[in-house]
Amino acid sequence: MTSEEKRLKEDFKWLVKNTASLQRTLSGKFIAVVNKSVAGIGKTAKEAYEKAKKAFPDKEPLMDMVPAKEFLLL
């Protein structure tokens, strides 16, 4: 596993652990995670991605959409 793959794995674990707290302030927004922190926020995935790439041009961010608390997946 490369160092970039390890970082993405750790970012994913951080995201899962912090989803509830992210829902309180970022519900319905797209986020980009780099180094276990939110590096970009936007109304669209592209907007969040571009903000993260500007802050961390050498890193590929982990992208997600923070679900609303009432989100239900069937």
C-alpha atoms as a PDB file:
ATOM      1  CA  MET A   1       0.000   0.000   0.000  1.00  0.00           C
ATOM      2  CA  THR A   2       1.374   3.404  -0.978  1.00  0.00           C
ATOM      3  CA  SER A   3       1.558   6.328   1.430  1.00  0.00           C
ATOM      4  CA  GLU A   4      -1.240   8.044  -0.530  1.00  0.00           C
ATOM      5  CA  GLU A   5      -3.465   4.967  -0.156  1.00  0.00           C
ATOM      6  CA  LYS A   6      -2.733   4.877   3.589  1.00  0.00           C
ATOM      7  CA  ARG A   7      -3.627   8.563   3.894  1.00  0.00           C
ATOM      8  CA  LEU A   8      -6.912   8.059   2.053  1.00  0.00           C
ATOM      9  CA  LYS A   9      -7.721   5.086   4.295  1.00  0.00           C
ATOM     10  CA  GLU A  10      -7.043   7.188   7.402  1.00  0.00           C
ATOM     11  CA  ASP A  11      -9.096  10.074   5.968  1.00  0.00           C
ATOM     12  CA  PHE A  12     -11.989   7.659   5.377  1.00  0.00           C
ATOM     13  CA  LYS A  13     -11.809   6.376   8.978  1.00  0.00           C
ATOM     14  CA  TRP A  14     -11.799   9.993  10.212  1.00  0.00           C
ATOM     15  CA  LEU A  15     -14.810  10.806   8.034  1.00  0.00           C
ATOM     16  CA  VAL A  16     -16.824   7.839   9.329  1.00  0.00           C
ATOM     17  CA  LYS A  17     -15.949   8.705  12.935  1.00  0.00           C
ATOM     18  CA  ASN A  18     -16.895  12.378  12.521  1.00  0.00           C
ATOM     19  CA  THR A  19     -19.986  12.172  10.293  1.00  0.00           C
ATOM     20  CA  ALA A  20     -22.410  12.966  13.135  1.00  0.00           C
ATOM     21  CA  SER A  21     -20.562  16.138  14.124  1.00  0.00           C
ATOM     22  CA  LEU A  22     -20.198  17.182  10.477  1.00  0.00           C
ATOM     23  CA  GLN A  23     -23.969  16.795  10.031  1.00  0.00           C
ATOM     24  CA  ARG A  24     -24.605  19.501  12.628  1.00  0.00           C
ATOM     25  CA  THR A  25     -22.933  22.201  10.544  1.00  0.00           C
ATOM     26  CA  LEU A  26     -22.453  20.842   7.014  1.00  0.00           C
ATOM     27  CA  SER A  27     -25.624  18.867   6.334  1.00  0.00           C
ATOM     28  CA  GLY A  28     -26.308  18.684   2.599  1.00  0.00           C
ATOM     29  CA  LYS A  29     -22.898  20.114   1.616  1.00  0.00           C
ATOM     30  CA  PHE A  30     -20.120  18.448  -0.316  1.00  0.00           C
ATOM     31  CA  ILE A  31     -16.795  18.161   1.480  1.00  0.00           C
ATOM     32  CA  ALA A  32     -13.242  17.276   0.540  1.00  0.00           C
ATOM     33  CA  VAL A  33     -11.110  15.663   3.249  1.00  0.00           C
ATOM     34  CA  VAL A  34      -7.306  15.811   3.339  1.00  0.00           C
ATOM     35  CA  ASN A  35      -5.136  14.744   6.281  1.00  0.00           C
ATOM     36  CA  LYS A  36      -8.118  14.040   8.570  1.00  0.00           C
ATOM     37  CA  SER A  37      -9.665  17.482   8.159  1.00  0.00           C
ATOM     38  CA  VAL A  38     -12.154  19.232   5.920  1.00  0.00           C
ATOM     39  CA  ALA A  39     -10.091  20.941   3.233  1.00  0.00           C
ATOM     40  CA  GLY A  40     -12.963  22.118   1.023  1.00  0.00           C
ATOM     41  CA  ILE A  41     -16.701  22.748   1.367  1.00  0.00           C
ATOM     42  CA  GLY A  42     -19.151  23.509  -1.406  1.00  0.00           C
ATOM     43  CA  LYS A  43     -22.668  23.299  -2.749  1.00  0.00           C
ATOM     44  CA  THR A  44     -21.232  21.055  -5.468  1.00  0.00           C
ATOM     45  CA  ALA A  45     -18.557  18.376  -5.405  1.00  0.00           C
ATOM     46  CA  LYS A  46     -16.558  20.368  -7.942  1.00  0.00           C
ATOM     47  CA  GLU A  47     -16.519  23.438  -5.706  1.00  0.00           C
ATOM     48  CA  ALA A  48     -15.327  21.443  -2.673  1.00  0.00           C
ATOM     49  CA  TYR A  49     -12.721  19.619  -4.773  1.00  0.00           C
ATOM     50  CA  GLU A  50     -11.302  22.818  -6.235  1.00  0.00           C
ATOM     51  CA  LYS A  51     -10.973  24.418  -2.782  1.00  0.00           C
ATOM     52  CA  ALA A  52      -9.142  21.362  -1.456  1.00  0.00           C
ATOM     53  CA  LYS A  53      -6.808  21.183  -4.470  1.00  0.00           C
ATOM     54  CA  LYS A  54      -5.962  24.859  -4.029  1.00  0.00           C
ATOM     55  CA  ALA A  55      -5.035  24.221  -0.389  1.00  0.00           C
ATOM     56  CA  PHE A  56      -3.323  20.856  -1.062  1.00  0.00           C
ATOM     57  CA  PRO A  57      -2.274  20.752  -4.734  1.00  0.00           C
ATOM     58  CA  ASP A  58      -0.189  17.598  -4.269  1.00  0.00           C
ATOM     59  CA  LYS A  59      -2.951  15.584  -2.525  1.00  0.00           C
ATOM     60  CA  GLU A  60      -6.040  13.913  -3.925  1.00  0.00           C
ATOM     61  CA  PRO A  61      -8.944  14.701  -1.564  1.00  0.00           C
ATOM     62  CA  LEU A  62     -11.480  12.188  -0.322  1.00  0.00           C
ATOM     63  CA  MET A  63     -14.867  13.471  -1.481  1.00  0.00           C
ATOM     64  CA  ASP A  64     -18.217  13.026   0.267  1.00  0.00           C
ATOM     65  CA  MET A  65     -21.619  14.610   0.622  1.00  0.00           C
ATOM     66  CA  VAL A  66     -22.624  15.089   4.243  1.00  0.00           C
ATOM     67  CA  PRO A  67     -26.095  13.564   4.509  1.00  0.00           C
ATOM     68  CA  ALA A  68     -28.986  15.213   6.263  1.00  0.00           C
ATOM     69  CA  LYS A  69     -29.854  13.588   9.577  1.00  0.00           C
ATOM     70  CA  GLU A  70     -33.087  12.292   8.108  1.00  0.00           C
ATOM     71  CA  PHE A  71     -31.224  10.661   5.178  1.00  0.00           C
ATOM     72  CA  LEU A  72     -32.428   7.108   4.525  1.00  0.00           C
ATOM     73  CA  LEU A  73     -30.825   4.658   2.132  1.00  0.00           C
ATOM     74  CA  LEU A  74     -32.924   1.682   1.075  1.00  0.00           C
END
